[in-house]
Amino acid sequence: MEKWFNVGKIVNTQGIKGEVRVISKTDFPEKRYKAGNVLYLFMPNSKTPIELTVKSHRTHKNFELLTFEGFHNINEVEKFKEGILKVPESQLDTLEKDEFYYHEIIGCLVATTEGVELGKVTEILSPGANDVWVVKGKGQKEILIPYIHDVVKKVDVKEKVILIEPMEGLLS
């Protein structure tokens, strides 16, 4: 049974030439949305994915705008709204040391090097220079952990544990 990983969600159409608006959930938008890449569209109430080949990609505001080969106007892509774009596990590449897929980090327990448990990673933000991991503890507010070597000391995706050395002011 193939495992599937979310790339994004089609939330609307854009213009009349078959372009769709996607809220991206991928670690590598430049690779996933490259012309010629194959994505699989999973629609609500359907078990069989629709295979789509990316024809063009551009970014507009907070959306990725895509067109697909064989779909030339708004009427043909209107039915794709609310669909989830995915890739099979076989399309995932081997990453460099200290690189991780989002699905490997989300759900990991975060603790300090002194053994104080802070909570689990619930979300990953990509605001610019480095990713920021959102950690939610028991009844606490969210803690934002920058993924930089000064803070993140050890990541064990097999055991789902991350050890951090908090900078001054990070946990206050």
C-alpha atoms as a PDB file:
ATOM      1  CA  MET A   1       0.000   0.000   0.000  1.00  0.00           C
ATOM      2  CA  GLU A   2       1.568   3.280  -1.151  1.00  0.00           C
ATOM      3  CA  LYS A   3       1.938   6.101   1.388  1.00  0.00           C
ATOM      4  CA  TRP A   4       0.940   9.562   0.156  1.00  0.00           C
ATOM      5  CA  PHE A   5       2.202  12.974   1.276  1.00  0.00           C
ATOM      6  CA  ASN A   6       0.307  16.255   0.956  1.00  0.00           C
ATOM      7  CA  VAL A   7       1.718  18.865  -1.376  1.00  0.00           C
ATOM      8  CA  GLY A   8      -1.130  21.372  -1.280  1.00  0.00           C
ATOM      9  CA  LYS A   9      -4.847  22.027  -1.485  1.00  0.00           C
ATOM     10  CA  ILE A  10      -6.644  23.508  -4.485  1.00  0.00           C
ATOM     11  CA  VAL A  11      -8.810  26.264  -3.023  1.00  0.00           C
ATOM     12  CA  ASN A  12     -10.021  28.075  -6.131  1.00  0.00           C
ATOM     13  CA  THR A  13      -9.532  28.824  -9.793  1.00  0.00           C
ATOM     14  CA  GLN A  14      -7.566  31.816 -11.087  1.00  0.00           C
ATOM     15  CA  GLY A  15      -8.645  33.509 -14.298  1.00  0.00           C
ATOM     16  CA  ILE A  16     -10.275  31.674 -17.187  1.00  0.00           C
ATOM     17  CA  LYS A  17      -7.340  29.733 -18.679  1.00  0.00           C
ATOM     18  CA  GLY A  18      -7.378  26.690 -16.393  1.00  0.00           C
ATOM     19  CA  GLU A  19      -5.158  28.005 -13.619  1.00  0.00           C
ATOM     20  CA  VAL A  20      -5.815  26.873 -10.024  1.00  0.00           C
ATOM     21  CA  ARG A  21      -4.907  28.462  -6.665  1.00  0.00           C
ATOM     22  CA  VAL A  22      -3.068  26.156  -4.303  1.00  0.00           C
ATOM     23  CA  ILE A  23      -2.319  26.606  -0.612  1.00  0.00           C
ATOM     24  CA  SER A  24       1.043  24.884  -0.499  1.00  0.00           C
ATOM     25  CA  LYS A  25       1.982  22.345   2.194  1.00  0.00           C
ATOM     26  CA  THR A  26       5.206  21.124   0.630  1.00  0.00           C
ATOM     27  CA  ASP A  27       8.780  21.431   1.798  1.00  0.00           C
ATOM     28  CA  PHE A  28      10.009  21.895  -1.786  1.00  0.00           C
ATOM     29  CA  PRO A  29       7.576  23.987  -3.874  1.00  0.00           C
ATOM     30  CA  GLU A  30      10.182  24.684  -6.587  1.00  0.00           C
ATOM     31  CA  LYS A  31      10.537  20.932  -7.169  1.00  0.00           C
ATOM     32  CA  ARG A  32       6.948  19.764  -6.671  1.00  0.00           C
ATOM     33  CA  TYR A  33       5.441  22.428  -8.954  1.00  0.00           C
ATOM     34  CA  LYS A  34       8.095  22.260 -11.692  1.00  0.00           C
ATOM     35  CA  ALA A  35       6.714  21.871 -15.220  1.00  0.00           C
ATOM     36  CA  GLY A  36       6.551  18.181 -16.119  1.00  0.00           C
ATOM     37  CA  ASN A  37       6.233  16.962 -12.515  1.00  0.00           C
ATOM     38  CA  VAL A  38       3.352  14.575 -11.809  1.00  0.00           C
ATOM     39  CA  LEU A  39       1.012  15.274  -8.893  1.00  0.00           C
ATOM     40  CA  TYR A  40      -1.962  13.208  -7.775  1.00  0.00           C
ATOM     41  CA  LEU A  41      -5.278  14.899  -6.989  1.00  0.00           C
ATOM     42  CA  PHE A  42      -7.425  13.323  -4.285  1.00  0.00           C
ATOM     43  CA  MET A  43     -10.990  14.593  -4.278  1.00  0.00           C
ATOM     44  CA  PRO A  44     -13.389  14.323  -1.316  1.00  0.00           C
ATOM     45  CA  ASN A  45     -15.688  11.287  -1.773  1.00  0.00           C
ATOM     46  CA  SER A  46     -13.323   9.588  -4.235  1.00  0.00           C
ATOM     47  CA  LYS A  47     -10.793   6.850  -3.552  1.00  0.00           C
ATOM     48  CA  THR A  48      -9.025   7.012  -6.920  1.00  0.00           C
ATOM     49  CA  PRO A  49      -6.540   9.864  -7.466  1.00  0.00           C
ATOM     50  CA  ILE A  50      -6.424  11.859 -10.696  1.00  0.00           C
ATOM     51  CA  GLU A  51      -2.923  11.998 -12.196  1.00  0.00           C
ATOM     52  CA  LEU A  52      -2.007  15.551 -13.230  1.00  0.00           C
ATOM     53  CA  THR A  53       1.142  16.810 -14.959  1.00  0.00           C
ATOM     54  CA  VAL A  54       2.197  20.356 -14.088  1.00  0.00           C
ATOM     55  CA  LYS A  55       2.248  22.598 -17.171  1.00  0.00           C
ATOM     56  CA  SER A  56       3.138  25.908 -15.486  1.00  0.00           C
ATOM     57  CA  HIS A  57       3.732  27.365 -12.039  1.00  0.00           C
ATOM     58  CA  ARG A  58       3.958  30.837 -10.587  1.00  0.00           C
ATOM     59  CA  THR A  59       3.567  32.358  -7.145  1.00  0.00           C
ATOM     60  CA  HIS A  60       1.011  35.097  -6.519  1.00  0.00           C
ATOM     61  CA  LYS A  61       0.512  36.570  -3.038  1.00  0.00           C
ATOM     62  CA  ASN A  62       0.314  33.561  -0.672  1.00  0.00           C
ATOM     63  CA  PHE A  63      -0.751  31.087  -3.348  1.00  0.00           C
ATOM     64  CA  GLU A  64       0.962  28.805  -5.812  1.00  0.00           C
ATOM     65  CA  LEU A  65      -0.778  29.085  -9.187  1.00  0.00           C
ATOM     66  CA  LEU A  66      -0.663  25.973 -11.370  1.00  0.00           C
ATOM     67  CA  THR A  67      -1.902  24.841 -14.745  1.00  0.00           C
ATOM     68  CA  PHE A  68      -2.006  21.193 -15.782  1.00  0.00           C
ATOM     69  CA  GLU A  69      -1.410  19.585 -19.169  1.00  0.00           C
ATOM     70  CA  GLY A  70      -4.684  18.892 -20.979  1.00  0.00           C
ATOM     71  CA  PHE A  71      -6.724  21.395 -18.961  1.00  0.00           C
ATOM     72  CA  HIS A  72      -7.108  24.684 -20.819  1.00  0.00           C
ATOM     73  CA  ASN A  73      -9.999  26.594 -19.269  1.00  0.00           C
ATOM     74  CA  ILE A  74     -11.803  27.347 -16.024  1.00  0.00           C
ATOM     75  CA  ASN A  75     -14.651  24.898 -16.765  1.00  0.00           C
ATOM     76  CA  GLU A  76     -12.253  21.937 -16.853  1.00  0.00           C
ATOM     77  CA  VAL A  77     -10.564  22.743 -13.509  1.00  0.00           C
ATOM     78  CA  GLU A  78     -13.564  24.075 -11.560  1.00  0.00           C
ATOM     79  CA  LYS A  79     -14.255  20.509 -10.352  1.00  0.00           C
ATOM     80  CA  PHE A  80     -10.750  20.321  -8.765  1.00  0.00           C
ATOM     81  CA  LYS A  81     -11.663  22.802  -5.994  1.00  0.00           C
ATOM     82  CA  GLU A  82     -11.211  21.338  -2.474  1.00  0.00           C
ATOM     83  CA  GLY A  83      -8.983  18.587  -3.871  1.00  0.00           C
ATOM     84  CA  ILE A  84      -5.706  17.683  -2.171  1.00  0.00           C
ATOM     85  CA  LEU A  85      -2.551  17.370  -4.279  1.00  0.00           C
ATOM     86  CA  LYS A  86      -0.248  14.575  -3.120  1.00  0.00           C
ATOM     87  CA  VAL A  87       2.891  12.705  -4.113  1.00  0.00           C
ATOM     88  CA  PRO A  88       3.647   9.050  -3.418  1.00  0.00           C
ATOM     89  CA  GLU A  89       6.425   8.095  -1.022  1.00  0.00           C
ATOM     90  CA  SER A  90       8.436   6.863  -4.031  1.00  0.00           C
ATOM     91  CA  GLN A  91       8.802  10.515  -5.206  1.00  0.00           C
ATOM     92  CA  LEU A  92      10.480  11.610  -1.955  1.00  0.00           C
ATOM     93  CA  ASP A  93      14.207  12.225  -2.319  1.00  0.00           C
ATOM     94  CA  THR A  94      16.964  11.356   0.100  1.00  0.00           C
ATOM     95  CA  LEU A  95      17.840  14.495   2.042  1.00  0.00           C
ATOM     96  CA  GLU A  96      21.172  15.879   3.179  1.00  0.00           C
ATOM     97  CA  LYS A  97      22.330  15.628   6.788  1.00  0.00           C
ATOM     98  CA  ASP A  98      20.291  18.015   9.001  1.00  0.00           C
ATOM     99  CA  GLU A  99      17.487  18.226   6.399  1.00  0.00           C
ATOM    100  CA  PHE A 100      14.060  16.797   7.190  1.00  0.00           C
ATOM    101  CA  TYR A 101      10.660  16.495   5.605  1.00  0.00           C
ATOM    102  CA  TYR A 102       7.844  18.344   7.396  1.00  0.00           C
ATOM    103  CA  HIS A 103       6.036  15.066   8.124  1.00  0.00           C
ATOM    104  CA  GLU A 104       9.131  13.803   9.968  1.00  0.00           C
ATOM    105  CA  ILE A 105       9.254  16.838  12.298  1.00  0.00           C
ATOM    106  CA  ILE A 106       5.545  17.397  12.974  1.00  0.00           C
ATOM    107  CA  GLY A 107       4.557  15.321  16.003  1.00  0.00           C
ATOM    108  CA  CYS A 108       8.064  15.175  17.498  1.00  0.00           C
ATOM    109  CA  LEU A 109       8.406  15.788  21.236  1.00  0.00           C
ATOM    110  CA  VAL A 110      10.579  18.828  21.989  1.00  0.00           C
ATOM    111  CA  ALA A 111      12.640  18.918  25.186  1.00  0.00           C
ATOM    112  CA  THR A 112      15.503  21.030  26.484  1.00  0.00           C
ATOM    113  CA  THR A 113      18.962  19.502  26.880  1.00  0.00           C
ATOM    114  CA  GLU A 114      18.240  19.593  30.640  1.00  0.00           C
ATOM    115  CA  GLY A 115      15.273  17.245  30.118  1.00  0.00           C
ATOM    116  CA  VAL A 116      12.358  19.694  30.432  1.00  0.00           C
ATOM    117  CA  GLU A 117       9.578  18.619  28.039  1.00  0.00           C
ATOM    118  CA  LEU A 118       8.077  21.566  26.145  1.00  0.00           C
ATOM    119  CA  GLY A 119       5.489  19.869  23.943  1.00  0.00           C
ATOM    120  CA  LYS A 120       5.088  18.573  20.404  1.00  0.00           C
ATOM    121  CA  VAL A 121       5.721  20.229  17.048  1.00  0.00           C
ATOM    122  CA  THR A 122       2.299  21.008  15.536  1.00  0.00           C
ATOM    123  CA  GLU A 123       3.260  23.157  12.559  1.00  0.00           C
ATOM    124  CA  ILE A 124       6.232  24.446  10.575  1.00  0.00           C
ATOM    125  CA  LEU A 125       6.426  28.051   9.408  1.00  0.00           C
ATOM    126  CA  SER A 126       8.769  29.214   6.635  1.00  0.00           C
ATOM    127  CA  PRO A 127       8.981  32.992   7.107  1.00  0.00           C
ATOM    128  CA  GLY A 128      12.380  33.502   5.499  1.00  0.00           C
ATOM    129  CA  ALA A 129      15.952  32.686   6.457  1.00  0.00           C
ATOM    130  CA  ASN A 130      15.092  29.582   8.494  1.00  0.00           C
ATOM    131  CA  ASP A 131      12.075  27.465   9.386  1.00  0.00           C
ATOM    132  CA  VAL A 132      10.283  28.021  12.677  1.00  0.00           C
ATOM    133  CA  TRP A 133       8.772  25.059  14.500  1.00  0.00           C
ATOM    134  CA  VAL A 134       5.526  25.713  16.399  1.00  0.00           C
ATOM    135  CA  VAL A 135       5.497  23.715  19.654  1.00  0.00           C
ATOM    136  CA  LYS A 136       2.316  23.265  21.685  1.00  0.00           C
ATOM    137  CA  GLY A 137       2.607  22.114  25.288  1.00  0.00           C
ATOM    138  CA  LYS A 138       0.024  21.004  27.829  1.00  0.00           C
ATOM    139  CA  GLY A 139      -2.305  23.990  28.271  1.00  0.00           C
ATOM    140  CA  GLN A 140       0.482  26.399  27.363  1.00  0.00           C
ATOM    141  CA  LYS A 141       0.713  28.991  24.681  1.00  0.00           C
ATOM    142  CA  GLU A 142       2.602  28.112  21.529  1.00  0.00           C
ATOM    143  CA  ILE A 143       6.399  28.243  21.622  1.00  0.00           C
ATOM    144  CA  LEU A 144       8.210  29.230  18.429  1.00  0.00           C
ATOM    145  CA  ILE A 145      11.524  27.412  17.956  1.00  0.00           C
ATOM    146  CA  PRO A 146      13.825  28.661  15.186  1.00  0.00           C
ATOM    147  CA  TYR A 147      15.486  25.801  13.307  1.00  0.00           C
ATOM    148  CA  ILE A 148      19.060  27.044  13.729  1.00  0.00           C
ATOM    149  CA  HIS A 149      22.120  25.178  15.027  1.00  0.00           C
ATOM    150  CA  ASP A 150      22.457  27.469  18.069  1.00  0.00           C
ATOM    151  CA  VAL A 151      19.045  26.276  19.312  1.00  0.00           C
ATOM    152  CA  VAL A 152      18.300  22.833  17.849  1.00  0.00           C
ATOM    153  CA  LYS A 153      20.942  20.446  19.152  1.00  0.00           C
ATOM    154  CA  LYS A 154      19.594  17.004  18.207  1.00  0.00           C
ATOM    155  CA  VAL A 155      16.810  15.726  15.951  1.00  0.00           C
ATOM    156  CA  ASP A 156      15.899  12.031  16.133  1.00  0.00           C
ATOM    157  CA  VAL A 157      13.050  11.425  13.680  1.00  0.00           C
ATOM    158  CA  LYS A 158      12.996   7.679  14.406  1.00  0.00           C
ATOM    159  CA  GLU A 159      12.363   8.248  18.138  1.00  0.00           C
ATOM    160  CA  LYS A 160      10.354  11.454  17.370  1.00  0.00           C
ATOM    161  CA  VAL A 161      12.442  13.535  19.832  1.00  0.00           C
ATOM    162  CA  ILE A 162      14.080  16.940  19.372  1.00  0.00           C
ATOM    163  CA  LEU A 163      16.504  18.414  21.911  1.00  0.00           C
ATOM    164  CA  ILE A 164      16.981  22.174  22.072  1.00  0.00           C
ATOM    165  CA  GLU A 165      19.238  24.596  23.951  1.00  0.00           C
ATOM    166  CA  PRO A 166      16.931  27.608  24.478  1.00  0.00           C
ATOM    167  CA  MET A 167      18.391  31.049  23.801  1.00  0.00           C
ATOM    168  CA  GLU A 168      17.787  33.745  26.353  1.00  0.00           C
ATOM    169  CA  GLY A 169      14.156  34.887  26.140  1.00  0.00           C
ATOM    170  CA  LEU A 170      13.030  32.009  23.880  1.00  0.00           C
ATOM    171  CA  LEU A 171      10.789  30.344  26.453  1.00  0.00           C
ATOM    172  CA  SER A 172       9.574  33.447  28.293  1.00  0.00           C
END
